[in-house]
Structures are given as C-alpha cells and as structure tokens.
Amino acid sequence: VLPEPNRTLVPTVNIAPAKGWPDGVKPHAAPGFHVEAFA
C-alpha cells in the first residue's frame, strides 16, 4: 500500500537509542528456533 506522501516541515526522528545487550539477555527466536552468541 502506497499512500499519498506526507511531507512535514521537520522530518520524523524516532530512533531507538543504542544501549547494547545486558548480561544474559539475547534476541527472541521464533518458535522452532534457538539463538546463541557465536562471537
């Protein structure tokens, strides 16, 4: 779906501030998958 452009005076800036992973925390893998740090 491609709506009409919505150009504003100031562009939207909505960044997730970079923090890094706390100890013991990792991404969520989809059902059927497992994730671990390789390096």
All heavy atoms as atom14 arrays in JSON, in Angstrom:
{
  "sequence": "VLPEPNRTLVPTVNIAPAKGWPDGVKPHAAPGFHVEAFA",
  "atom14_mask": [
    [1, 1, 1, 1, 1, 1, 1, 0, 0, 0, 0, 0, 0, 0],
    [1, 1, 1, 1, 1, 1, 1, 1, 0, 0, 0, 0, 0, 0],
    [1, 1, 1, 1, 1, 1, 1, 0, 0, 0, 0, 0, 0, 0],
    [1, 1, 1, 1, 1, 1, 1, 1, 1, 0, 0, 0, 0, 0],
    [1, 1, 1, 1, 1, 1, 1, 0, 0, 0, 0, 0, 0, 0],
    [1, 1, 1, 1, 1, 1, 1, 1, 0, 0, 0, 0, 0, 0],
    [1, 1, 1, 1, 1, 1, 1, 1, 1, 1, 1, 0, 0, 0],
    [1, 1, 1, 1, 1, 1, 1, 0, 0, 0, 0, 0, 0, 0],
    [1, 1, 1, 1, 1, 1, 1, 1, 0, 0, 0, 0, 0, 0],
    [1, 1, 1, 1, 1, 1, 1, 0, 0, 0, 0, 0, 0, 0],
    [1, 1, 1, 1, 1, 1, 1, 0, 0, 0, 0, 0, 0, 0],
    [1, 1, 1, 1, 1, 1, 1, 0, 0, 0, 0, 0, 0, 0],
    [1, 1, 1, 1, 1, 1, 1, 0, 0, 0, 0, 0, 0, 0],
    [1, 1, 1, 1, 1, 1, 1, 1, 0, 0, 0, 0, 0, 0],
    [1, 1, 1, 1, 1, 1, 1, 1, 0, 0, 0, 0, 0, 0],
    [1, 1, 1, 1, 1, 0, 0, 0, 0, 0, 0, 0, 0, 0],
    [1, 1, 1, 1, 1, 1, 1, 0, 0, 0, 0, 0, 0, 0],
    [1, 1, 1, 1, 1, 0, 0, 0, 0, 0, 0, 0, 0, 0],
    [1, 1, 1, 1, 1, 1, 1, 1, 1, 0, 0, 0, 0, 0],
    [1, 1, 1, 1, 0, 0, 0, 0, 0, 0, 0, 0, 0, 0],
    [1, 1, 1, 1, 1, 1, 1, 1, 1, 1, 1, 1, 1, 1],
    [1, 1, 1, 1, 1, 1, 1, 0, 0, 0, 0, 0, 0, 0],
    [1, 1, 1, 1, 1, 1, 1, 1, 0, 0, 0, 0, 0, 0],
    [1, 1, 1, 1, 0, 0, 0, 0, 0, 0, 0, 0, 0, 0],
    [1, 1, 1, 1, 1, 1, 1, 0, 0, 0, 0, 0, 0, 0],
    [1, 1, 1, 1, 1, 1, 1, 1, 1, 0, 0, 0, 0, 0],
    [1, 1, 1, 1, 1, 1, 1, 0, 0, 0, 0, 0, 0, 0],
    [1, 1, 1, 1, 1, 1, 1, 1, 1, 1, 0, 0, 0, 0],
    [1, 1, 1, 1, 1, 0, 0, 0, 0, 0, 0, 0, 0, 0],
    [1, 1, 1, 1, 1, 0, 0, 0, 0, 0, 0, 0, 0, 0],
    [1, 1, 1, 1, 1, 1, 1, 0, 0, 0, 0, 0, 0, 0],
    [1, 1, 1, 1, 0, 0, 0, 0, 0, 0, 0, 0, 0, 0],
    [1, 1, 1, 1, 1, 1, 1, 1, 1, 1, 1, 0, 0, 0],
    [1, 1, 1, 1, 1, 1, 1, 1, 1, 1, 0, 0, 0, 0],
    [1, 1, 1, 1, 1, 1, 1, 0, 0, 0, 0, 0, 0, 0],
    [1, 1, 1, 1, 1, 1, 1, 1, 1, 0, 0, 0, 0, 0],
    [1, 1, 1, 1, 1, 0, 0, 0, 0, 0, 0, 0, 0, 0],
    [1, 1, 1, 1, 1, 1, 1, 1, 1, 1, 1, 0, 0, 0],
    [1, 1, 1, 1, 1, 0, 0, 0, 0, 0, 0, 0, 0, 0]
  ],
  "atom14_positions": [
    [[0.86, -1.19, 0.0], [0.0, 0.0, 0.0], [0.89, 1.23, 0.0], [1.78, 1.37, 0.85], [-0.92, 0.01, 1.24], [-1.77, 1.28, 1.25], [-1.8, -1.23, 1.25], [0.0, 0.0, 0.0], [0.0, 0.0, 0.0], [0.0, 0.0, 0.0], [0.0, 0.0, 0.0], [0.0, 0.0, 0.0], [0.0, 0.0, 0.0], [0.0, 0.0, 0.0]],
    [[0.65, 2.14, -0.94], [1.47, 3.35, -1.09], [0.55, 4.57, -0.98], [-0.01, 5.02, -1.97], [2.2, 3.34, -2.42], [3.16, 2.17, -2.66], [3.68, 2.18, -4.09], [4.31, 2.2, -1.67], [0.0, 0.0, 0.0], [0.0, 0.0, 0.0], [0.0, 0.0, 0.0], [0.0, 0.0, 0.0], [0.0, 0.0, 0.0], [0.0, 0.0, 0.0]],
    [[0.38, 5.14, 0.23], [-0.49, 6.3, 0.39], [0.14, 7.55, -0.2], [1.27, 7.53, -0.72], [-0.61, 6.42, 1.91], [0.68, 5.87, 2.42], [1.04, 4.75, 1.48], [0.0, 0.0, 0.0], [0.0, 0.0, 0.0], [0.0, 0.0, 0.0], [0.0, 0.0, 0.0], [0.0, 0.0, 0.0], [0.0, 0.0, 0.0], [0.0, 0.0, 0.0]],
    [[-0.58, 8.65, -0.15], [-0.02, 9.92, -0.6], [1.14, 10.34, 0.3], [1.1, 10.1, 1.52], [-1.09, 11.01, -0.6], [-2.14, 10.84, -1.69], [-1.54, 10.91, -3.08], [-0.77, 11.86, -3.36], [-1.82, 10.0, -3.89], [0.0, 0.0, 0.0], [0.0, 0.0, 0.0], [0.0, 0.0, 0.0], [0.0, 0.0, 0.0], [0.0, 0.0, 0.0]],
    [[2.17, 10.98, -0.26], [3.27, 11.45, 0.58], [2.79, 12.43, 1.65], [1.84, 13.18, 1.43], [4.2, 12.13, -0.43], [3.85, 11.53, -1.75], [2.39, 11.23, -1.69], [0.0, 0.0, 0.0], [0.0, 0.0, 0.0], [0.0, 0.0, 0.0], [0.0, 0.0, 0.0], [0.0, 0.0, 0.0], [0.0, 0.0, 0.0], [0.0, 0.0, 0.0]],
    [[3.46, 12.42, 2.78], [3.14, 13.31, 3.89], [4.41, 14.02, 4.32], [5.07, 13.64, 5.28], [2.54, 12.52, 5.06], [2.14, 13.42, 6.21], [2.0, 14.63, 6.05], [1.97, 12.84, 7.39], [0.0, 0.0, 0.0], [0.0, 0.0, 0.0], [0.0, 0.0, 0.0], [0.0, 0.0, 0.0], [0.0, 0.0, 0.0], [0.0, 0.0, 0.0]],
    [[4.76, 15.04, 3.57], [6.0, 15.77, 3.83], [5.74, 16.84, 4.89], [4.82, 17.64, 4.76], [6.52, 16.41, 2.54], [7.91, 16.99, 2.68], [8.38, 17.57, 1.37], [9.73, 18.08, 1.47], [10.35, 18.79, 0.53], [9.69, 19.06, -0.61], [11.58, 19.22, 0.7], [0.0, 0.0, 0.0], [0.0, 0.0, 0.0], [0.0, 0.0, 0.0]],
    [[6.54, 16.85, 5.95], [6.38, 17.8, 7.04], [7.55, 18.76, 7.08], [8.6, 18.51, 6.49], [6.28, 17.05, 8.38], [7.43, 16.2, 8.53], [5.03, 16.19, 8.43], [0.0, 0.0, 0.0], [0.0, 0.0, 0.0], [0.0, 0.0, 0.0], [0.0, 0.0, 0.0], [0.0, 0.0, 0.0], [0.0, 0.0, 0.0], [0.0, 0.0, 0.0]],
    [[7.36, 19.86, 7.8], [8.42, 20.87, 7.91], [9.67, 20.27, 8.52], [10.8, 20.52, 8.06], [7.93, 22.05, 8.75], [8.96, 23.16, 9.0], [9.37, 23.82, 7.68], [8.39, 24.21, 9.95], [0.0, 0.0, 0.0], [0.0, 0.0, 0.0], [0.0, 0.0, 0.0], [0.0, 0.0, 0.0], [0.0, 0.0, 0.0], [0.0, 0.0, 0.0]],
    [[9.49, 19.48, 9.56], [10.6, 18.79, 10.21], [10.35, 17.29, 10.1], [9.28, 16.81, 10.47], [10.71, 19.21, 11.7], [11.86, 18.46, 12.37], [10.91, 20.71, 11.81], [0.0, 0.0, 0.0], [0.0, 0.0, 0.0], [0.0, 0.0, 0.0], [0.0, 0.0, 0.0], [0.0, 0.0, 0.0], [0.0, 0.0, 0.0], [0.0, 0.0, 0.0]],
    [[11.3, 16.52, 9.56], [11.06, 15.09, 9.4], [10.96, 14.37, 10.74], [11.54, 14.8, 11.74], [12.29, 14.62, 8.62], [13.35, 15.63, 8.92], [12.62, 16.94, 9.07], [0.0, 0.0, 0.0], [0.0, 0.0, 0.0], [0.0, 0.0, 0.0], [0.0, 0.0, 0.0], [0.0, 0.0, 0.0], [0.0, 0.0, 0.0], [0.0, 0.0, 0.0]],
    [[10.23, 13.29, 10.75], [10.13, 12.45, 11.94], [11.49, 11.85, 12.27], [12.15, 11.28, 11.41], [9.12, 11.32, 11.7], [7.84, 11.9, 11.48], [9.05, 10.37, 12.88], [0.0, 0.0, 0.0], [0.0, 0.0, 0.0], [0.0, 0.0, 0.0], [0.0, 0.0, 0.0], [0.0, 0.0, 0.0], [0.0, 0.0, 0.0], [0.0, 0.0, 0.0]],
    [[11.91, 11.99, 13.52], [13.13, 11.36, 14.01], [12.74, 10.53, 15.22], [12.36, 11.06, 16.25], [14.21, 12.39, 14.39], [15.44, 11.68, 14.95], [14.59, 13.24, 13.18], [0.0, 0.0, 0.0], [0.0, 0.0, 0.0], [0.0, 0.0, 0.0], [0.0, 0.0, 0.0], [0.0, 0.0, 0.0], [0.0, 0.0, 0.0], [0.0, 0.0, 0.0]],
    [[12.79, 9.22, 15.06], [12.33, 8.32, 16.12], [13.25, 7.11, 16.19], [12.91, 6.01, 15.79], [10.88, 7.88, 15.83], [10.29, 7.08, 16.96], [10.63, 7.29, 18.13], [9.42, 6.14, 16.64], [0.0, 0.0, 0.0], [0.0, 0.0, 0.0], [0.0, 0.0, 0.0], [0.0, 0.0, 0.0], [0.0, 0.0, 0.0], [0.0, 0.0, 0.0]],
    [[14.44, 7.34, 16.72], [15.47, 6.31, 16.78], [15.38, 5.58, 18.1], [15.08, 6.17, 19.14], [16.86, 6.96, 16.64], [17.01, 7.58, 15.25], [17.98, 5.94, 16.87], [18.21, 8.46, 15.14], [0.0, 0.0, 0.0], [0.0, 0.0, 0.0], [0.0, 0.0, 0.0], [0.0, 0.0, 0.0], [0.0, 0.0, 0.0], [0.0, 0.0, 0.0]],
    [[15.66, 4.3, 18.08], [15.83, 3.55, 19.32], [17.27, 3.77, 19.78], [18.2, 3.31, 19.13], [15.57, 2.07, 19.09], [0.0, 0.0, 0.0], [0.0, 0.0, 0.0], [0.0, 0.0, 0.0], [0.0, 0.0, 0.0], [0.0, 0.0, 0.0], [0.0, 0.0, 0.0], [0.0, 0.0, 0.0], [0.0, 0.0, 0.0], [0.0, 0.0, 0.0]],
    [[17.49, 4.48, 20.9], [18.86, 4.76, 21.35], [19.66, 3.48, 21.57], [19.16, 2.51, 22.16], [18.65, 5.51, 22.67], [17.27, 6.06, 22.59], [16.48, 5.07, 21.79], [0.0, 0.0, 0.0], [0.0, 0.0, 0.0], [0.0, 0.0, 0.0], [0.0, 0.0, 0.0], [0.0, 0.0, 0.0], [0.0, 0.0, 0.0], [0.0, 0.0, 0.0]],
    [[20.88, 3.45, 21.09], [21.73, 2.26, 21.16], [22.26, 2.07, 22.57], [22.92, 2.95, 23.13], [22.88, 2.39, 20.18], [0.0, 0.0, 0.0], [0.0, 0.0, 0.0], [0.0, 0.0, 0.0], [0.0, 0.0, 0.0], [0.0, 0.0, 0.0], [0.0, 0.0, 0.0], [0.0, 0.0, 0.0], [0.0, 0.0, 0.0], [0.0, 0.0, 0.0]],
    [[21.99, 0.9, 23.14], [22.41, 0.6, 24.51], [23.29, -0.64, 24.61], [24.13, -0.74, 25.49], [21.19, 0.41, 25.41], [20.28, 1.63, 25.5], [20.98, 2.8, 26.15], [20.03, 3.99, 26.31], [20.69, 5.17, 26.9], [0.0, 0.0, 0.0], [0.0, 0.0, 0.0], [0.0, 0.0, 0.0], [0.0, 0.0, 0.0], [0.0, 0.0, 0.0]],
    [[23.08, -1.65, 23.77], [23.8, -2.91, 23.88], [23.07, -3.89, 24.79], [22.13, -3.54, 25.51], [0.0, 0.0, 0.0], [0.0, 0.0, 0.0], [0.0, 0.0, 0.0], [0.0, 0.0, 0.0], [0.0, 0.0, 0.0], [0.0, 0.0, 0.0], [0.0, 0.0, 0.0], [0.0, 0.0, 0.0], [0.0, 0.0, 0.0], [0.0, 0.0, 0.0]],
    [[23.52, -5.14, 24.77], [22.83, -6.22, 25.48], [23.31, -6.34, 26.92], [24.51, -6.49, 27.16], [23.08, -7.56, 24.77], [22.51, -7.61, 23.4], [23.18, -7.35, 22.23], [21.17, -7.92, 23.03], [22.33, -7.48, 21.17], [21.1, -7.84, 21.62], [20.03, -8.28, 23.75], [19.92, -8.09, 20.92], [18.86, -8.53, 23.05], [18.81, -8.44, 21.67]],
    [[22.4, -6.31, 27.9], [22.79, -6.64, 29.27], [23.23, -8.1, 29.36], [22.85, -8.93, 28.52], [21.5, -6.4, 30.08], [20.63, -5.57, 29.2], [20.99, -5.94, 27.79], [0.0, 0.0, 0.0], [0.0, 0.0, 0.0], [0.0, 0.0, 0.0], [0.0, 0.0, 0.0], [0.0, 0.0, 0.0], [0.0, 0.0, 0.0], [0.0, 0.0, 0.0]],
    [[23.98, -8.44, 30.38], [24.43, -9.81, 30.57], [23.23, -10.75, 30.64], [22.24, -10.48, 31.34], [25.26, -9.94, 31.84], [26.61, -9.25, 31.73], [27.03, -8.97, 30.59], [27.23, -8.98, 32.78], [0.0, 0.0, 0.0], [0.0, 0.0, 0.0], [0.0, 0.0, 0.0], [0.0, 0.0, 0.0], [0.0, 0.0, 0.0], [0.0, 0.0, 0.0]],
    [[23.32, -11.83, 29.9], [22.28, -12.85, 29.95], [21.07, -12.59, 29.08], [20.14, -13.4, 29.06], [0.0, 0.0, 0.0], [0.0, 0.0, 0.0], [0.0, 0.0, 0.0], [0.0, 0.0, 0.0], [0.0, 0.0, 0.0], [0.0, 0.0, 0.0], [0.0, 0.0, 0.0], [0.0, 0.0, 0.0], [0.0, 0.0, 0.0], [0.0, 0.0, 0.0]],
    [[21.06, -11.47, 28.36], [19.91, -11.13, 27.5], [20.3, -11.34, 26.05], [21.43, -11.05, 25.63], [19.46, -9.66, 27.74], [18.26, -9.32, 26.87], [19.14, -9.45, 29.22], [0.0, 0.0, 0.0], [0.0, 0.0, 0.0], [0.0, 0.0, 0.0], [0.0, 0.0, 0.0], [0.0, 0.0, 0.0], [0.0, 0.0, 0.0], [0.0, 0.0, 0.0]],
    [[19.37, -11.85, 25.26], [19.63, -12.1, 23.84], [18.34, -11.91, 23.06], [17.26, -11.76, 23.66], [20.18, -13.52, 23.65], [19.26, -14.62, 24.13], [19.92, -15.99, 24.01], [19.0, -17.11, 24.5], [19.64, -18.44, 24.39], [0.0, 0.0, 0.0], [0.0, 0.0, 0.0], [0.0, 0.0, 0.0], [0.0, 0.0, 0.0], [0.0, 0.0, 0.0]],
    [[18.4, -11.9, 21.73], [17.18, -11.74, 20.93], [16.2, -12.89, 21.16], [16.56, -13.96, 21.65], [17.69, -11.73, 19.49], [19.15, -11.45, 19.58], [19.6, -12.01, 20.89], [0.0, 0.0, 0.0], [0.0, 0.0, 0.0], [0.0, 0.0, 0.0], [0.0, 0.0, 0.0], [0.0, 0.0, 0.0], [0.0, 0.0, 0.0], [0.0, 0.0, 0.0]],
    [[14.94, -12.64, 20.76], [13.91, -13.67, 20.84], [13.86, -14.42, 19.51], [13.66, -13.81, 18.46], [12.54, -13.04, 21.12], [12.51, -12.15, 22.32], [13.03, -12.51, 23.53], [12.01, -10.89, 22.48], [12.85, -11.53, 24.4], [12.25, -10.53, 23.78], [0.0, 0.0, 0.0], [0.0, 0.0, 0.0], [0.0, 0.0, 0.0], [0.0, 0.0, 0.0]],
    [[14.03, -15.73, 19.57], [13.95, -16.55, 18.37], [12.52, -17.02, 18.16], [11.78, -17.27, 19.12], [14.88, -17.75, 18.49], [0.0, 0.0, 0.0], [0.0, 0.0, 0.0], [0.0, 0.0, 0.0], [0.0, 0.0, 0.0], [0.0, 0.0, 0.0], [0.0, 0.0, 0.0], [0.0, 0.0, 0.0], [0.0, 0.0, 0.0], [0.0, 0.0, 0.0]],
    [[12.1, -17.12, 16.91], [10.76, -17.59, 16.57], [10.59, -19.04, 17.04], [11.57, -19.77, 17.22], [10.55, -17.5, 15.07], [0.0, 0.0, 0.0], [0.0, 0.0, 0.0], [0.0, 0.0, 0.0], [0.0, 0.0, 0.0], [0.0, 0.0, 0.0], [0.0, 0.0, 0.0], [0.0, 0.0, 0.0], [0.0, 0.0, 0.0], [0.0, 0.0, 0.0]],
    [[9.35, -19.48, 17.26], [9.12, -20.87, 17.64], [9.8, -21.82, 16.66], [9.74, -21.65, 15.45], [7.59, -21.0, 17.57], [7.09, -19.62, 17.85], [8.09, -18.71, 17.2], [0.0, 0.0, 0.0], [0.0, 0.0, 0.0], [0.0, 0.0, 0.0], [0.0, 0.0, 0.0], [0.0, 0.0, 0.0], [0.0, 0.0, 0.0], [0.0, 0.0, 0.0]],
    [[10.49, -22.81, 17.21], [11.22, -23.76, 16.39], [12.68, -23.4, 16.21], [13.44, -24.19, 15.62], [0.0, 0.0, 0.0], [0.0, 0.0, 0.0], [0.0, 0.0, 0.0], [0.0, 0.0, 0.0], [0.0, 0.0, 0.0], [0.0, 0.0, 0.0], [0.0, 0.0, 0.0], [0.0, 0.0, 0.0], [0.0, 0.0, 0.0], [0.0, 0.0, 0.0]],
    [[13.08, -22.22, 16.71], [14.47, -21.77, 16.57], [15.1, -21.5, 17.93], [14.41, -21.21, 18.92], [14.54, -20.51, 15.71], [14.23, -20.73, 14.26], [12.97, -20.48, 13.75], [15.21, -21.2, 13.4], [12.68, -20.68, 12.42], [14.94, -21.41, 12.06], [13.67, -21.15, 11.57], [0.0, 0.0, 0.0], [0.0, 0.0, 0.0], [0.0, 0.0, 0.0]],
    [[16.43, -21.55, 17.93], [17.22, -21.25, 19.12], [18.34, -20.31, 18.69], [18.91, -20.47, 17.61], [17.8, -22.53, 19.7], [18.69, -22.31, 20.89], [18.2, -21.99, 22.14], [20.04, -22.34, 21.01], [19.21, -21.85, 22.98], [20.33, -22.06, 22.32], [0.0, 0.0, 0.0], [0.0, 0.0, 0.0], [0.0, 0.0, 0.0], [0.0, 0.0, 0.0]],
    [[18.66, -19.33, 19.54], [19.72, -18.38, 19.2], [20.73, -18.29, 20.34], [20.35, -18.29, 21.52], [19.14, -16.97, 18.89], [18.39, -16.38, 20.08], [20.25, -16.03, 18.42], [0.0, 0.0, 0.0], [0.0, 0.0, 0.0], [0.0, 0.0, 0.0], [0.0, 0.0, 0.0], [0.0, 0.0, 0.0], [0.0, 0.0, 0.0], [0.0, 0.0, 0.0]],
    [[21.99, -18.26, 19.98], [23.08, -18.07, 20.92], [24.13, -17.18, 20.28], [24.21, -17.07, 19.05], [23.73, -19.4, 21.3], [22.87, -20.32, 22.16], [22.69, -19.81, 23.59], [23.43, -18.89, 23.98], [21.81, -20.35, 24.29], [0.0, 0.0, 0.0], [0.0, 0.0, 0.0], [0.0, 0.0, 0.0], [0.0, 0.0, 0.0], [0.0, 0.0, 0.0]],
    [[24.96, -16.54, 21.11], [26.06, -15.74, 20.59], [27.13, -16.65, 20.01], [27.58, -17.6, 20.67], [26.64, -14.87, 21.69], [0.0, 0.0, 0.0], [0.0, 0.0, 0.0], [0.0, 0.0, 0.0], [0.0, 0.0, 0.0], [0.0, 0.0, 0.0], [0.0, 0.0, 0.0], [0.0, 0.0, 0.0], [0.0, 0.0, 0.0], [0.0, 0.0, 0.0]],
    [[27.52, -16.4, 18.77], [28.63, -17.11, 18.13], [29.95, -16.43, 18.48], [30.96, -17.08, 18.7], [28.4, -17.13, 16.62], [29.44, -17.88, 15.84], [29.58, -19.24, 15.98], [30.28, -17.21, 14.96], [30.54, -19.94, 15.24], [31.23, -17.88, 14.22], [31.37, -19.26, 14.36], [0.0, 0.0, 0.0], [0.0, 0.0, 0.0], [0.0, 0.0, 0.0]],
    [[29.93, -15.11, 18.52], [31.1, -14.32, 18.92], [30.61, -13.0, 19.47], [29.67, -12.4, 18.95], [32.04, -14.09, 17.73], [0.0, 0.0, 0.0], [0.0, 0.0, 0.0], [0.0, 0.0, 0.0], [0.0, 0.0, 0.0], [0.0, 0.0, 0.0], [0.0, 0.0, 0.0], [0.0, 0.0, 0.0], [0.0, 0.0, 0.0], [0.0, 0.0, 0.0]]
  ]
}
